[in-house]
Amino acid sequence: MGLQQTLDNIKQEFVASAPAERLAIMQQATALLSTSEILEKTLSPGTRAPDFSLQDAAGNTFDSRELRKKGPLLLTFYRGIW
């Protein structure tokens, strides 16, 4: 099974079991994102990101230019509460 099919299955299971209130909130948020033109501001897969520096949880700074010297970078964004 491919990734898209796996994601579709997860979504179907969630929609079948989630409370109606939660689904309504998620549908509203999705509609807002769709009309926000946010996709026009995003990078396409494979596009080089602008140079940046970020700190990790321990305060260590990482510079994208230095990291790219070691090979390609993969940027992943997590939404979390910790």
PDB file of N, CA and C in Angstrom:
ATOM      1  N   MET A   1       0.850  -1.173   0.000  1.00  0.00           N
ATOM      2  CA  MET A   1       0.000   0.000   0.000  1.00  0.00           C
ATOM      3  C   MET A   1       0.898   1.240   0.000  1.00  0.00           C
ATOM      4  N   GLY A   2       0.568   2.204  -0.854  1.00  0.00           N
ATOM      5  CA  GLY A   2       1.346   3.432  -0.946  1.00  0.00           C
ATOM      6  C   GLY A   2       0.995   4.409   0.163  1.00  0.00           C
ATOM      7  N   LEU A   3       1.801   5.450   0.268  1.00  0.00           N
ATOM      8  CA  LEU A   3       1.604   6.460   1.308  1.00  0.00           C
ATOM      9  C   LEU A   3       0.244   7.125   1.192  1.00  0.00           C
ATOM     10  N   GLN A   4      -0.162   7.520  -0.026  1.00  0.00           N
ATOM     11  CA  GLN A   4      -1.437   8.210  -0.184  1.00  0.00           C
ATOM     12  C   GLN A   4      -2.597   7.329   0.268  1.00  0.00           C
ATOM     13  N   GLN A   5      -2.554   6.052  -0.077  1.00  0.00           N
ATOM     14  CA  GLN A   5      -3.615   5.134   0.334  1.00  0.00           C
ATOM     15  C   GLN A   5      -3.629   4.979   1.854  1.00  0.00           C
ATOM     16  N   THR A   6      -2.467   4.894   2.463  1.00  0.00           N
ATOM     17  CA  THR A   6      -2.381   4.802   3.921  1.00  0.00           C
ATOM     18  C   THR A   6      -2.983   6.042   4.572  1.00  0.00           C
ATOM     19  N   LEU A   7      -2.632   7.218   4.055  1.00  0.00           N
ATOM     20  CA  LEU A   7      -3.182   8.465   4.603  1.00  0.00           C
ATOM     21  C   LEU A   7      -4.692   8.540   4.403  1.00  0.00           C
ATOM     22  N   ASP A   8      -5.166   8.118   3.241  1.00  0.00           N
ATOM     23  CA  ASP A   8      -6.612   8.112   2.987  1.00  0.00           C
ATOM     24  C   ASP A   8      -7.332   7.194   3.967  1.00  0.00           C
ATOM     25  N   ASN A   9      -6.752   6.031   4.248  1.00  0.00           N
ATOM     26  CA  ASN A   9      -7.358   5.097   5.202  1.00  0.00           C
ATOM     27  C   ASN A   9      -7.404   5.688   6.606  1.00  0.00           C
ATOM     28  N   ILE A  10      -6.325   6.336   7.020  1.00  0.00           N
ATOM     29  CA  ILE A  10      -6.292   6.966   8.344  1.00  0.00           C
ATOM     30  C   ILE A  10      -7.369   8.036   8.431  1.00  0.00           C
ATOM     31  N   LYS A  11      -7.498   8.829   7.377  1.00  0.00           N
ATOM     32  CA  LYS A  11      -8.510   9.892   7.369  1.00  0.00           C
ATOM     33  C   LYS A  11      -9.914   9.298   7.451  1.00  0.00           C
ATOM     34  N   GLN A  12     -10.179   8.256   6.687  1.00  0.00           N
ATOM     35  CA  GLN A  12     -11.497   7.621   6.715  1.00  0.00           C
ATOM     36  C   GLN A  12     -11.826   7.089   8.108  1.00  0.00           C
ATOM     37  N   GLU A  13     -10.860   6.468   8.749  1.00  0.00           N
ATOM     38  CA  GLU A  13     -11.077   5.944  10.100  1.00  0.00           C
ATOM     39  C   GLU A  13     -11.343   7.075  11.079  1.00  0.00           C
ATOM     40  N   PHE A  14     -10.602   8.163  10.946  1.00  0.00           N
ATOM     41  CA  PHE A  14     -10.794   9.302  11.834  1.00  0.00           C
ATOM     42  C   PHE A  14     -12.176   9.911  11.635  1.00  0.00           C
ATOM     43  N   VAL A  15     -12.557  10.139  10.382  1.00  0.00           N
ATOM     44  CA  VAL A  15     -13.859  10.748  10.087  1.00  0.00           C
ATOM     45  C   VAL A  15     -14.991   9.870  10.613  1.00  0.00           C
ATOM     46  N   ALA A  16     -14.825   8.563  10.532  1.00  0.00           N
ATOM     47  CA  ALA A  16     -15.864   7.645  10.997  1.00  0.00           C
ATOM     48  C   ALA A  16     -16.007   7.633  12.512  1.00  0.00           C
ATOM     49  N   SER A  17     -14.946   7.980  13.233  1.00  0.00           N
ATOM     50  CA  SER A  17     -14.999   7.854  14.693  1.00  0.00           C
ATOM     51  C   SER A  17     -14.922   9.173  15.457  1.00  0.00           C
ATOM     52  N   ALA A  18     -14.578  10.259  14.803  1.00  0.00           N
ATOM     53  CA  ALA A  18     -14.396  11.540  15.500  1.00  0.00           C
ATOM     54  C   ALA A  18     -15.743  12.181  15.821  1.00  0.00           C
ATOM     55  N   PRO A  19     -15.800  12.908  16.934  1.00  0.00           N
ATOM     56  CA  PRO A  19     -17.026  13.639  17.266  1.00  0.00           C
ATOM     57  C   PRO A  19     -17.343  14.686  16.192  1.00  0.00           C
ATOM     58  N   ALA A  20     -18.626  14.907  15.954  1.00  0.00           N
ATOM     59  CA  ALA A  20     -19.065  15.847  14.921  1.00  0.00           C
ATOM     60  C   ALA A  20     -18.500  17.248  15.153  1.00  0.00           C
ATOM     61  N   GLU A  21     -18.415  17.665  16.421  1.00  0.00           N
ATOM     62  CA  GLU A  21     -17.872  19.001  16.729  1.00  0.00           C
ATOM     63  C   GLU A  21     -16.438  19.136  16.229  1.00  0.00           C
ATOM     64  N   ARG A  22     -15.643  18.123  16.475  1.00  0.00           N
ATOM     65  CA  ARG A  22     -14.239  18.158  16.065  1.00  0.00           C
ATOM     66  C   ARG A  22     -14.121  18.182  14.539  1.00  0.00           C
ATOM     67  N   LEU A  23     -14.939  17.381  13.869  1.00  0.00           N
ATOM     68  CA  LEU A  23     -14.913  17.373  12.406  1.00  0.00           C
ATOM     69  C   LEU A  23     -15.301  18.735  11.839  1.00  0.00           C
ATOM     70  N   ALA A  24     -16.301  19.372  12.441  1.00  0.00           N
ATOM     71  CA  ALA A  24     -16.735  20.690  11.970  1.00  0.00           C
ATOM     72  C   ALA A  24     -15.617  21.717  12.118  1.00  0.00           C
ATOM     73  N   ILE A  25     -14.917  21.677  13.236  1.00  0.00           N
ATOM     74  CA  ILE A  25     -13.800  22.605  13.464  1.00  0.00           C
ATOM     75  C   ILE A  25     -12.703  22.364  12.427  1.00  0.00           C
ATOM     76  N   MET A  26     -12.385  21.110  12.182  1.00  0.00           N
ATOM     77  CA  MET A  26     -11.335  20.786  11.221  1.00  0.00           C
ATOM     78  C   MET A  26     -11.739  21.182   9.798  1.00  0.00           C
ATOM     79  N   GLN A  27     -13.007  20.973   9.452  1.00  0.00           N
ATOM     80  CA  GLN A  27     -13.471  21.361   8.119  1.00  0.00           C
ATOM     81  C   GLN A  27     -13.424  22.876   7.948  1.00  0.00           C
ATOM     82  N   GLN A  28     -13.774  23.605   9.001  1.00  0.00           N
ATOM     83  CA  GLN A  28     -13.714  25.066   8.942  1.00  0.00           C
ATOM     84  C   GLN A  28     -12.265  25.534   8.783  1.00  0.00           C
ATOM     85  N   ALA A  29     -11.357  24.942   9.538  1.00  0.00           N
ATOM     86  CA  ALA A  29      -9.943  25.314   9.440  1.00  0.00           C
ATOM     87  C   ALA A  29      -9.388  24.990   8.050  1.00  0.00           C
ATOM     88  N   THR A  30      -9.787  23.863   7.493  1.00  0.00           N
ATOM     89  CA  THR A  30      -9.345  23.490   6.148  1.00  0.00           C
ATOM     90  C   THR A  30      -9.859  24.486   5.115  1.00  0.00           C
ATOM     91  N   ALA A  31     -11.110  24.903   5.261  1.00  0.00           N
ATOM     92  CA  ALA A  31     -11.680  25.888   4.334  1.00  0.00           C
ATOM     93  C   ALA A  31     -10.941  27.218   4.435  1.00  0.00           C
ATOM     94  N   LEU A  32     -10.611  27.634   5.656  1.00  0.00           N
ATOM     95  CA  LEU A  32      -9.866  28.882   5.830  1.00  0.00           C
ATOM     96  C   LEU A  32      -8.488  28.804   5.180  1.00  0.00           C
ATOM     97  N   LEU A  33      -7.824  27.685   5.347  1.00  0.00           N
ATOM     98  CA  LEU A  33      -6.513  27.507   4.713  1.00  0.00           C
ATOM     99  C   LEU A  33      -6.626  27.522   3.189  1.00  0.00           C
ATOM    100  N   SER A  34      -7.671  26.905   2.676  1.00  0.00           N
ATOM    101  CA  SER A  34      -7.851  26.848   1.225  1.00  0.00           C
ATOM    102  C   SER A  34      -8.020  28.225   0.609  1.00  0.00           C
ATOM    103  N   THR A  35      -8.643  29.139   1.340  1.00  0.00           N
ATOM    104  CA  THR A  35      -8.879  30.489   0.815  1.00  0.00           C
ATOM    105  C   THR A  35      -7.789  31.476   1.213  1.00  0.00           C
ATOM    106  N   SER A  36      -6.804  31.037   1.967  1.00  0.00           N
ATOM    107  CA  SER A  36      -5.783  31.949   2.488  1.00  0.00           C
ATOM    108  C   SER A  36      -4.645  32.225   1.505  1.00  0.00           C
ATOM    109  N   GLU A  37      -4.597  31.516   0.397  1.00  0.00           N
ATOM    110  CA  GLU A  37      -3.521  31.634  -0.587  1.00  0.00           C
ATOM    111  C   GLU A  37      -2.158  31.246  -0.006  1.00  0.00           C
ATOM    112  N   ILE A  38      -2.165  30.442   1.040  1.00  0.00           N
ATOM    113  CA  ILE A  38      -0.916  30.033   1.684  1.00  0.00           C
ATOM    114  C   ILE A  38      -0.054  29.181   0.745  1.00  0.00           C
ATOM    115  N   LEU A  39      -0.696  28.407  -0.126  1.00  0.00           N
ATOM    116  CA  LEU A  39       0.079  27.541  -1.021  1.00  0.00           C
ATOM    117  C   LEU A  39       0.938  28.334  -1.993  1.00  0.00           C
ATOM    118  N   GLU A  40       0.488  29.530  -2.355  1.00  0.00           N
ATOM    119  CA  GLU A  40       1.275  30.363  -3.260  1.00  0.00           C
ATOM    120  C   GLU A  40       2.564  30.852  -2.601  1.00  0.00           C
ATOM    121  N   LYS A  41       2.634  30.776  -1.282  1.00  0.00           N
ATOM    122  CA  LYS A  41       3.797  31.268  -0.542  1.00  0.00           C
ATOM    123  C   LYS A  41       4.750  30.148  -0.121  1.00  0.00           C
ATOM    124  N   THR A  42       4.394  28.908  -0.424  1.00  0.00           N
ATOM    125  CA  THR A  42       5.211  27.783   0.024  1.00  0.00           C
ATOM    126  C   THR A  42       6.211  27.358  -1.046  1.00  0.00           C
ATOM    127  N   LEU A  43       7.243  26.673  -0.606  1.00  0.00           N
ATOM    128  CA  LEU A  43       8.230  26.117  -1.528  1.00  0.00           C
ATOM    129  C   LEU A  43       7.717  24.788  -2.068  1.00  0.00           C
ATOM    130  N   SER A  44       8.027  24.509  -3.291  1.00  0.00           N
ATOM    131  CA  SER A  44       7.676  23.226  -3.891  1.00  0.00           C
ATOM    132  C   SER A  44       8.682  22.174  -3.435  1.00  0.00           C
ATOM    133  N   PRO A  45       8.272  20.900  -3.422  1.00  0.00           N
ATOM    134  CA  PRO A  45       9.233  19.850  -3.080  1.00  0.00           C
ATOM    135  C   PRO A  45      10.449  19.931  -3.997  1.00  0.00           C
ATOM    136  N   GLY A  46      11.617  19.792  -3.412  1.00  0.00           N
ATOM    137  CA  GLY A  46      12.852  19.844  -4.171  1.00  0.00           C
ATOM    138  C   GLY A  46      13.444  21.230  -4.313  1.00  0.00           C
ATOM    139  N   THR A  47      12.699  22.261  -3.917  1.00  0.00           N
ATOM    140  CA  THR A  47      13.197  23.628  -3.996  1.00  0.00           C
ATOM    141  C   THR A  47      14.114  23.894  -2.815  1.00  0.00           C
ATOM    142  N   ARG A  48      15.236  24.541  -3.068  1.00  0.00           N
ATOM    143  CA  ARG A  48      16.173  24.853  -1.987  1.00  0.00           C
ATOM    144  C   ARG A  48      15.570  25.936  -1.094  1.00  0.00           C
ATOM    145  N   ALA A  49      15.557  25.675   0.191  1.00  0.00           N
ATOM    146  CA  ALA A  49      15.067  26.650   1.171  1.00  0.00           C
ATOM    147  C   ALA A  49      16.086  27.774   1.321  1.00  0.00           C
ATOM    148  N   PRO A  50      15.623  28.959   1.685  1.00  0.00           N
ATOM    149  CA  PRO A  50      16.576  30.042   1.956  1.00  0.00           C
ATOM    150  C   PRO A  50      17.490  29.648   3.120  1.00  0.00           C
ATOM    151  N   ASP A  51      18.674  30.239   3.177  1.00  0.00           N
ATOM    152  CA  ASP A  51      19.580  29.977   4.298  1.00  0.00           C
ATOM    153  C   ASP A  51      18.921  30.404   5.604  1.00  0.00           C
ATOM    154  N   PHE A  52      19.175  29.639   6.659  1.00  0.00           N
ATOM    155  CA  PHE A  52      18.579  29.946   7.954  1.00  0.00           C
ATOM    156  C   PHE A  52      19.439  29.373   9.067  1.00  0.00           C
ATOM    157  N   SER A  53      19.203  29.871  10.275  1.00  0.00           N
ATOM    158  CA  SER A  53      19.801  29.329  11.495  1.00  0.00           C
ATOM    159  C   SER A  53      18.677  29.103  12.486  1.00  0.00           C
ATOM    160  N   LEU A  54      18.719  27.972  13.166  1.00  0.00           N
ATOM    161  CA  LEU A  54      17.706  27.633  14.164  1.00  0.00           C
ATOM    162  C   LEU A  54      18.380  27.092  15.413  1.00  0.00           C
ATOM    163  N   GLN A  55      17.695  27.243  16.539  1.00  0.00           N
ATOM    164  CA  GLN A  55      18.178  26.669  17.793  1.00  0.00           C
ATOM    165  C   GLN A  55      17.346  25.450  18.133  1.00  0.00           C
ATOM    166  N   ASP A  56      18.018  24.448  18.705  1.00  0.00           N
ATOM    167  CA  ASP A  56      17.293  23.288  19.192  1.00  0.00           C
ATOM    168  C   ASP A  56      16.862  23.530  20.632  1.00  0.00           C
ATOM    169  N   ALA A  57      16.226  22.540  21.236  1.00  0.00           N
ATOM    170  CA  ALA A  57      15.700  22.682  22.592  1.00  0.00           C
ATOM    171  C   ALA A  57      16.798  22.930  23.620  1.00  0.00           C
ATOM    172  N   ALA A  58      18.024  22.527  23.317  1.00  0.00           N
ATOM    173  CA  ALA A  58      19.146  22.723  24.240  1.00  0.00           C
ATOM    174  C   ALA A  58      19.872  24.045  24.003  1.00  0.00           C
ATOM    175  N   GLY A  59      19.401  24.824  23.022  1.00  0.00           N
ATOM    176  CA  GLY A  59      20.028  26.112  22.751  1.00  0.00           C
ATOM    177  C   GLY A  59      21.170  26.068  21.746  1.00  0.00           C
ATOM    178  N   ASN A  60      21.429  24.904  21.155  1.00  0.00           N
ATOM    179  CA  ASN A  60      22.474  24.784  20.132  1.00  0.00           C
ATOM    180  C   ASN A  60      21.968  25.370  18.817  1.00  0.00           C
ATOM    181  N   THR A  61      22.791  26.183  18.170  1.00  0.00           N
ATOM    182  CA  THR A  61      22.402  26.798  16.907  1.00  0.00           C
ATOM    183  C   THR A  61      22.885  25.952  15.738  1.00  0.00           C
ATOM    184  N   PHE A  62      22.004  25.750  14.783  1.00  0.00           N
ATOM    185  CA  PHE A  62      22.317  25.006  13.572  1.00  0.00           C
ATOM    186  C   PHE A  62      22.145  25.929  12.381  1.00  0.00           C
ATOM    187  N   ASP A  63      23.147  25.972  11.516  1.00  0.00           N
ATOM    188  CA  ASP A  63      23.141  26.830  10.345  1.00  0.00           C
ATOM    189  C   ASP A  63      22.950  25.960   9.101  1.00  0.00           C
ATOM    190  N   SER A  64      21.975  26.295   8.288  1.00  0.00           N
ATOM    191  CA  SER A  64      21.676  25.468   7.117  1.00  0.00           C
ATOM    192  C   SER A  64      22.845  25.384   6.143  1.00  0.00           C
ATOM    193  N   ARG A  65      23.599  26.463   6.003  1.00  0.00           N
ATOM    194  CA  ARG A  65      24.736  26.439   5.072  1.00  0.00           C
ATOM    195  C   ARG A  65      25.764  25.396   5.505  1.00  0.00           C
ATOM    196  N   GLU A  66      26.019  25.327   6.811  1.00  0.00           N
ATOM    197  CA  GLU A  66      26.986  24.345   7.320  1.00  0.00           C
ATOM    198  C   GLU A  66      26.449  22.925   7.179  1.00  0.00           C
ATOM    199  N   LEU A  67      25.177  22.747   7.474  1.00  0.00           N
ATOM    200  CA  LEU A  67      24.590  21.411   7.377  1.00  0.00           C
ATOM    201  C   LEU A  67      24.561  20.914   5.937  1.00  0.00           C
ATOM    202  N   ARG A  68      24.307  21.815   4.982  1.00  0.00           N
ATOM    203  CA  ARG A  68      24.264  21.413   3.570  1.00  0.00           C
ATOM    204  C   ARG A  68      25.628  20.939   3.064  1.00  0.00           C
ATOM    205  N   LYS A  69      26.689  21.343   3.728  1.00  0.00           N
ATOM    206  CA  LYS A  69      28.018  20.871   3.330  1.00  0.00           C
ATOM    207  C   LYS A  69      28.147  19.363   3.541  1.00  0.00           C
ATOM    208  N   LYS A  70      27.329  18.816   4.445  1.00  0.00           N
ATOM    209  CA  LYS A  70      27.361  17.384   4.742  1.00  0.00           C
ATOM    210  C   LYS A  70      26.425  16.584   3.837  1.00  0.00           C
ATOM    211  N   GLY A  71      25.518  17.281   3.140  1.00  0.00           N
ATOM    212  CA  GLY A  71      24.559  16.594   2.271  1.00  0.00           C
ATOM    213  C   GLY A  71      23.229  17.311   2.271  1.00  0.00           C
ATOM    214  N   PRO A  72      22.237  16.737   1.596  1.00  0.00           N
ATOM    215  CA  PRO A  72      20.922  17.373   1.502  1.00  0.00           C
ATOM    216  C   PRO A  72      20.254  17.500   2.871  1.00  0.00           C
ATOM    217  N   LEU A  73      19.377  18.504   2.978  1.00  0.00           N
ATOM    218  CA  LEU A  73      18.610  18.710   4.205  1.00  0.00           C
ATOM    219  C   LEU A  73      17.162  18.324   3.977  1.00  0.00           C
ATOM    220  N   LEU A  74      16.546  17.792   4.995  1.00  0.00           N
ATOM    221  CA  LEU A  74      15.117  17.523   4.990  1.00  0.00           C
ATOM    222  C   LEU A  74      14.524  18.321   6.131  1.00  0.00           C
ATOM    223  N   LEU A  75      13.606  19.228   5.821  1.00  0.00           N
ATOM    224  CA  LEU A  75      12.962  20.042   6.852  1.00  0.00           C
ATOM    225  C   LEU A  75      11.642  19.400   7.235  1.00  0.00           C
ATOM    226  N   THR A  76      11.446  19.214   8.512  1.00  0.00           N
ATOM    227  CA  THR A  76      10.215  18.644   9.027  1.00  0.00           C
ATOM    228  C   THR A  76       9.685  19.557  10.112  1.00  0.00           C
ATOM    229  N   PHE A  77       8.401  19.834  10.071  1.00  0.00           N
ATOM    230  CA  PHE A  77       7.788  20.710  11.061  1.00  0.00           C
ATOM    231  C   PHE A  77       6.809  19.896  11.899  1.00  0.00           C
ATOM    232  N   TYR A  78       6.937  20.020  13.204  1.00  0.00           N
ATOM    233  CA  TYR A  78       6.062  19.317  14.126  1.00  0.00           C
ATOM    234  C   TYR A  78       5.201  20.317  14.871  1.00  0.00           C
ATOM    235  N   ARG A  79       3.935  20.016  14.969  1.00  0.00           N
ATOM    236  CA  ARG A  79       3.057  20.796  15.827  1.00  0.00           C
ATOM    237  C   ARG A  79       2.910  19.964  17.088  1.00  0.00           C
ATOM    238  N   GLY A  80       3.316  20.525  18.186  1.00  0.00           N
ATOM    239  CA  GLY A  80       3.241  19.744  19.402  1.00  0.00           C
ATOM    240  C   GLY A  80       3.099  20.604  20.632  1.00  0.00           C
ATOM    241  N   ILE A  81       2.696  19.962  21.665  1.00  0.00           N
ATOM    242  CA  ILE A  81       2.610  20.608  22.975  1.00  0.00           C
ATOM    243  C   ILE A  81       3.482  19.776  23.897  1.00  0.00           C
ATOM    244  N   TRP A  82       4.591  20.358  24.318  1.00  0.00           N
ATOM    245  CA  TRP A  82       5.468  19.628  25.213  1.00  0.00           C
ATOM    246  C   TRP A  82       5.835  20.428  26.401  1.00  0.00           C
TER     247      TRP A  82
END
